[in-house]
Amino acid sequence: MFVEIFGRPGCPYCVRAKQIAEQLTEERDDFEFRYVDINVAGLTKDDLAAKAGKPVTTVPQIFLDEQHIGGCTDFEAYARANLGL
């Protein structure tokens, strides 16, 4: 499975989401992720909303195999329920 995390520097929820993904990468052979700094990539929240298919107002925005999961809290809950976090 492949996770994309769209975040920005200085965001504690972005940092936490990245830490969760790093932990899952170490613990699982079937998990990979990519962190995208939206500032460096030139992305806006409108761009993320278009990708998610609904309005977004915060970061991080997280996608699992191209499916929108939500933010950090949603990702952590999903990882605990489904990925053995």
N, C-alpha and C. Protein backbone atom coordinates (compact mmCIF):
# COMPACT_ATOMS: atom_id res chain seq x y z
N MET A 1 0.83 -1.17 0.00
CA MET A 1 0.00 0.00 0.00
C MET A 1 0.88 1.24 0.00
N PHE A 2 0.36 2.29 -0.58
CA PHE A 2 1.13 3.52 -0.73
C PHE A 2 0.33 4.70 -0.18
N VAL A 3 0.96 5.45 0.69
CA VAL A 3 0.33 6.60 1.31
C VAL A 3 1.03 7.87 0.88
N GLU A 4 0.25 8.87 0.51
CA GLU A 4 0.78 10.21 0.25
C GLU A 4 0.26 11.14 1.33
N ILE A 5 1.21 11.87 1.93
CA ILE A 5 0.88 12.84 2.97
C ILE A 5 1.22 14.22 2.43
N PHE A 6 0.22 15.06 2.32
CA PHE A 6 0.43 16.44 1.87
C PHE A 6 0.39 17.33 3.10
N GLY A 7 1.51 17.98 3.38
CA GLY A 7 1.60 18.81 4.58
C GLY A 7 2.46 20.03 4.35
N ARG A 8 2.75 20.72 5.46
CA ARG A 8 3.59 21.91 5.39
C ARG A 8 4.50 21.96 6.61
N PRO A 9 5.61 22.67 6.51
CA PRO A 9 6.54 22.79 7.64
C PRO A 9 5.87 23.50 8.82
N GLY A 10 6.26 23.09 10.01
CA GLY A 10 5.77 23.73 11.21
C GLY A 10 4.41 23.26 11.68
N CYS A 11 3.82 22.34 10.97
CA CYS A 11 2.49 21.81 11.32
C CYS A 11 2.67 20.57 12.19
N PRO A 12 2.25 20.62 13.46
CA PRO A 12 2.46 19.46 14.33
C PRO A 12 1.70 18.21 13.88
N TYR A 13 0.54 18.39 13.26
CA TYR A 13 -0.21 17.24 12.77
C TYR A 13 0.48 16.61 11.56
N CYS A 14 1.13 17.43 10.75
CA CYS A 14 1.91 16.90 9.62
C CYS A 14 3.09 16.09 10.12
N VAL A 15 3.76 16.60 11.15
CA VAL A 15 4.89 15.90 11.74
C VAL A 15 4.43 14.55 12.31
N ARG A 16 3.30 14.55 13.00
CA ARG A 16 2.78 13.32 13.59
C ARG A 16 2.40 12.30 12.51
N ALA A 17 1.74 12.76 11.46
CA ALA A 17 1.37 11.85 10.38
C ALA A 17 2.60 11.22 9.74
N LYS A 18 3.63 12.02 9.56
CA LYS A 18 4.88 11.51 8.98
C LYS A 18 5.53 10.49 9.92
N GLN A 19 5.49 10.75 11.23
CA GLN A 19 6.04 9.80 12.20
C GLN A 19 5.30 8.47 12.15
N ILE A 20 3.98 8.52 12.05
CA ILE A 20 3.18 7.30 11.95
C ILE A 20 3.57 6.52 10.69
N ALA A 21 3.69 7.22 9.58
CA ALA A 21 4.05 6.57 8.32
C ALA A 21 5.45 5.97 8.40
N GLU A 22 6.39 6.66 9.02
CA GLU A 22 7.74 6.12 9.18
C GLU A 22 7.72 4.86 10.02
N GLN A 23 6.93 4.87 11.09
CA GLN A 23 6.81 3.69 11.95
C GLN A 23 6.22 2.51 11.18
N LEU A 24 5.19 2.77 10.40
CA LEU A 24 4.57 1.70 9.62
C LEU A 24 5.53 1.16 8.55
N THR A 25 6.35 2.03 7.99
CA THR A 25 7.34 1.60 7.00
C THR A 25 8.34 0.63 7.62
N GLU A 26 8.73 0.92 8.86
CA GLU A 26 9.68 0.05 9.55
C GLU A 26 9.05 -1.27 9.94
N GLU A 27 7.78 -1.26 10.28
CA GLU A 27 7.12 -2.46 10.82
C GLU A 27 6.48 -3.35 9.76
N ARG A 28 6.20 -2.80 8.59
CA ARG A 28 5.47 -3.56 7.56
C ARG A 28 6.25 -3.58 6.26
N ASP A 29 6.25 -4.72 5.59
CA ASP A 29 6.91 -4.84 4.29
C ASP A 29 6.04 -4.28 3.17
N ASP A 30 4.75 -4.15 3.41
CA ASP A 30 3.82 -3.75 2.36
C ASP A 30 3.39 -2.29 2.45
N PHE A 31 4.18 -1.48 3.15
CA PHE A 31 3.79 -0.08 3.36
C PHE A 31 4.89 0.85 2.86
N GLU A 32 4.49 1.81 2.03
CA GLU A 32 5.40 2.86 1.56
C GLU A 32 4.66 4.18 1.65
N PHE A 33 5.43 5.26 1.81
CA PHE A 33 4.79 6.57 1.83
C PHE A 33 5.68 7.62 1.18
N ARG A 34 5.02 8.71 0.85
CA ARG A 34 5.72 9.88 0.32
C ARG A 34 5.13 11.09 1.01
N TYR A 35 6.01 11.94 1.52
CA TYR A 35 5.58 13.19 2.14
C TYR A 35 5.79 14.31 1.13
N VAL A 36 4.76 15.10 0.90
CA VAL A 36 4.82 16.20 -0.05
C VAL A 36 4.64 17.50 0.71
N ASP A 37 5.67 18.33 0.70
CA ASP A 37 5.58 19.67 1.28
C ASP A 37 4.80 20.53 0.29
N ILE A 38 3.61 20.96 0.67
CA ILE A 38 2.76 21.68 -0.29
C ILE A 38 3.36 23.02 -0.70
N ASN A 39 4.16 23.62 0.18
CA ASN A 39 4.81 24.88 -0.18
C ASN A 39 5.85 24.67 -1.27
N VAL A 40 6.68 23.65 -1.12
CA VAL A 40 7.72 23.35 -2.11
C VAL A 40 7.09 22.91 -3.43
N ALA A 41 6.01 22.12 -3.33
CA ALA A 41 5.36 21.61 -4.53
C ALA A 41 4.46 22.65 -5.20
N GLY A 42 4.24 23.78 -4.53
CA GLY A 42 3.39 24.83 -5.10
C GLY A 42 1.91 24.47 -5.10
N LEU A 43 1.50 23.65 -4.15
CA LEU A 43 0.10 23.23 -4.07
C LEU A 43 -0.67 24.11 -3.09
N THR A 44 -1.94 24.31 -3.38
CA THR A 44 -2.82 25.07 -2.49
C THR A 44 -3.84 24.11 -1.89
N LYS A 45 -4.58 24.60 -0.91
CA LYS A 45 -5.66 23.79 -0.35
C LYS A 45 -6.73 23.52 -1.40
N ASP A 46 -6.90 24.43 -2.34
CA ASP A 46 -7.83 24.18 -3.45
C ASP A 46 -7.37 23.00 -4.30
N ASP A 47 -6.05 22.91 -4.52
CA ASP A 47 -5.51 21.76 -5.26
C ASP A 47 -5.79 20.45 -4.51
N LEU A 48 -5.61 20.49 -3.19
CA LEU A 48 -5.86 19.30 -2.38
C LEU A 48 -7.35 18.95 -2.37
N ALA A 49 -8.19 19.98 -2.34
CA ALA A 49 -9.64 19.76 -2.39
C ALA A 49 -10.04 19.08 -3.69
N ALA A 50 -9.43 19.49 -4.78
CA ALA A 50 -9.73 18.87 -6.08
C ALA A 50 -9.31 17.40 -6.07
N LYS A 51 -8.16 17.11 -5.48
CA LYS A 51 -7.68 15.72 -5.41
C LYS A 51 -8.56 14.89 -4.48
N ALA A 52 -9.00 15.49 -3.37
CA ALA A 52 -9.82 14.78 -2.39
C ALA A 52 -11.27 14.64 -2.84
N GLY A 53 -11.69 15.53 -3.72
CA GLY A 53 -13.07 15.50 -4.17
C GLY A 53 -14.04 16.15 -3.22
N LYS A 54 -13.50 16.93 -2.28
CA LYS A 54 -14.33 17.67 -1.34
C LYS A 54 -13.50 18.79 -0.75
N PRO A 55 -14.13 19.79 -0.15
CA PRO A 55 -13.38 20.90 0.42
C PRO A 55 -12.46 20.43 1.56
N VAL A 56 -11.27 21.01 1.60
CA VAL A 56 -10.36 20.76 2.72
C VAL A 56 -9.90 22.11 3.26
N THR A 57 -9.74 22.16 4.57
CA THR A 57 -9.34 23.43 5.18
C THR A 57 -8.06 23.31 5.99
N THR A 58 -7.59 22.08 6.18
CA THR A 58 -6.40 21.87 7.01
C THR A 58 -5.42 20.94 6.31
N VAL A 59 -4.24 20.89 6.84
CA VAL A 59 -3.25 19.88 6.47
C VAL A 59 -2.86 19.16 7.75
N PRO A 60 -2.39 17.94 7.64
CA PRO A 60 -2.14 17.21 6.40
C PRO A 60 -3.42 16.67 5.78
N GLN A 61 -3.32 16.38 4.51
CA GLN A 61 -4.34 15.63 3.80
C GLN A 61 -3.65 14.35 3.34
N ILE A 62 -4.28 13.23 3.64
CA ILE A 62 -3.62 11.94 3.47
C ILE A 62 -4.45 11.04 2.56
N PHE A 63 -3.74 10.40 1.64
CA PHE A 63 -4.36 9.51 0.66
C PHE A 63 -3.71 8.13 0.75
N LEU A 64 -4.54 7.11 0.82
CA LEU A 64 -4.08 5.73 0.87
C LEU A 64 -4.47 5.07 -0.45
N ASP A 65 -3.47 4.69 -1.23
CA ASP A 65 -3.72 4.11 -2.56
C ASP A 65 -4.72 4.97 -3.34
N GLU A 66 -4.45 6.27 -3.36
CA GLU A 66 -5.25 7.27 -4.10
C GLU A 66 -6.62 7.57 -3.48
N GLN A 67 -6.98 6.89 -2.40
CA GLN A 67 -8.24 7.16 -1.71
C GLN A 67 -7.99 8.15 -0.58
N HIS A 68 -8.80 9.17 -0.50
CA HIS A 68 -8.64 10.19 0.54
C HIS A 68 -9.03 9.59 1.90
N ILE A 69 -8.10 9.64 2.84
CA ILE A 69 -8.33 9.16 4.20
C ILE A 69 -8.81 10.30 5.09
N GLY A 70 -8.21 11.47 4.93
CA GLY A 70 -8.53 12.63 5.76
C GLY A 70 -7.26 13.23 6.32
N GLY A 71 -7.34 13.67 7.57
CA GLY A 71 -6.19 14.29 8.23
C GLY A 71 -5.45 13.32 9.12
N CYS A 72 -4.63 13.87 9.99
CA CYS A 72 -3.77 13.05 10.85
C CYS A 72 -4.59 12.15 11.77
N THR A 73 -5.61 12.69 12.41
CA THR A 73 -6.43 11.91 13.34
C THR A 73 -7.10 10.75 12.61
N ASP A 74 -7.60 11.02 11.40
CA ASP A 74 -8.23 9.97 10.60
C ASP A 74 -7.21 8.90 10.22
N PHE A 75 -6.03 9.32 9.82
CA PHE A 75 -4.97 8.39 9.43
C PHE A 75 -4.55 7.52 10.62
N GLU A 76 -4.38 8.14 11.77
CA GLU A 76 -3.97 7.38 12.95
C GLU A 76 -5.04 6.36 13.33
N ALA A 77 -6.31 6.75 13.29
CA ALA A 77 -7.39 5.82 13.61
C ALA A 77 -7.42 4.67 12.60
N TYR A 78 -7.24 4.98 11.31
CA TYR A 78 -7.21 3.94 10.28
C TYR A 78 -6.04 2.99 10.52
N ALA A 79 -4.86 3.54 10.83
CA ALA A 79 -3.68 2.71 11.05
C ALA A 79 -3.86 1.81 12.26
N ARG A 80 -4.48 2.31 13.31
CA ARG A 80 -4.72 1.49 14.51
C ARG A 80 -5.73 0.38 14.21
N ALA A 81 -6.76 0.69 13.44
CA ALA A 81 -7.82 -0.28 13.15
C ALA A 81 -7.41 -1.32 12.11
N ASN A 82 -6.56 -0.92 11.16
CA ASN A 82 -6.31 -1.78 9.99
C ASN A 82 -4.86 -2.19 9.76
N LEU A 83 -3.92 -1.46 10.35
CA LEU A 83 -2.51 -1.70 9.98
C LEU A 83 -1.64 -2.13 11.17
N GLY A 84 -2.26 -2.38 12.31
CA GLY A 84 -1.50 -2.88 13.45
C GLY A 84 -0.63 -1.86 14.14
N LEU A 85 -1.00 -0.61 14.07
CA LEU A 85 -0.22 0.45 14.73
C LEU A 85 -0.34 0.32 16.22
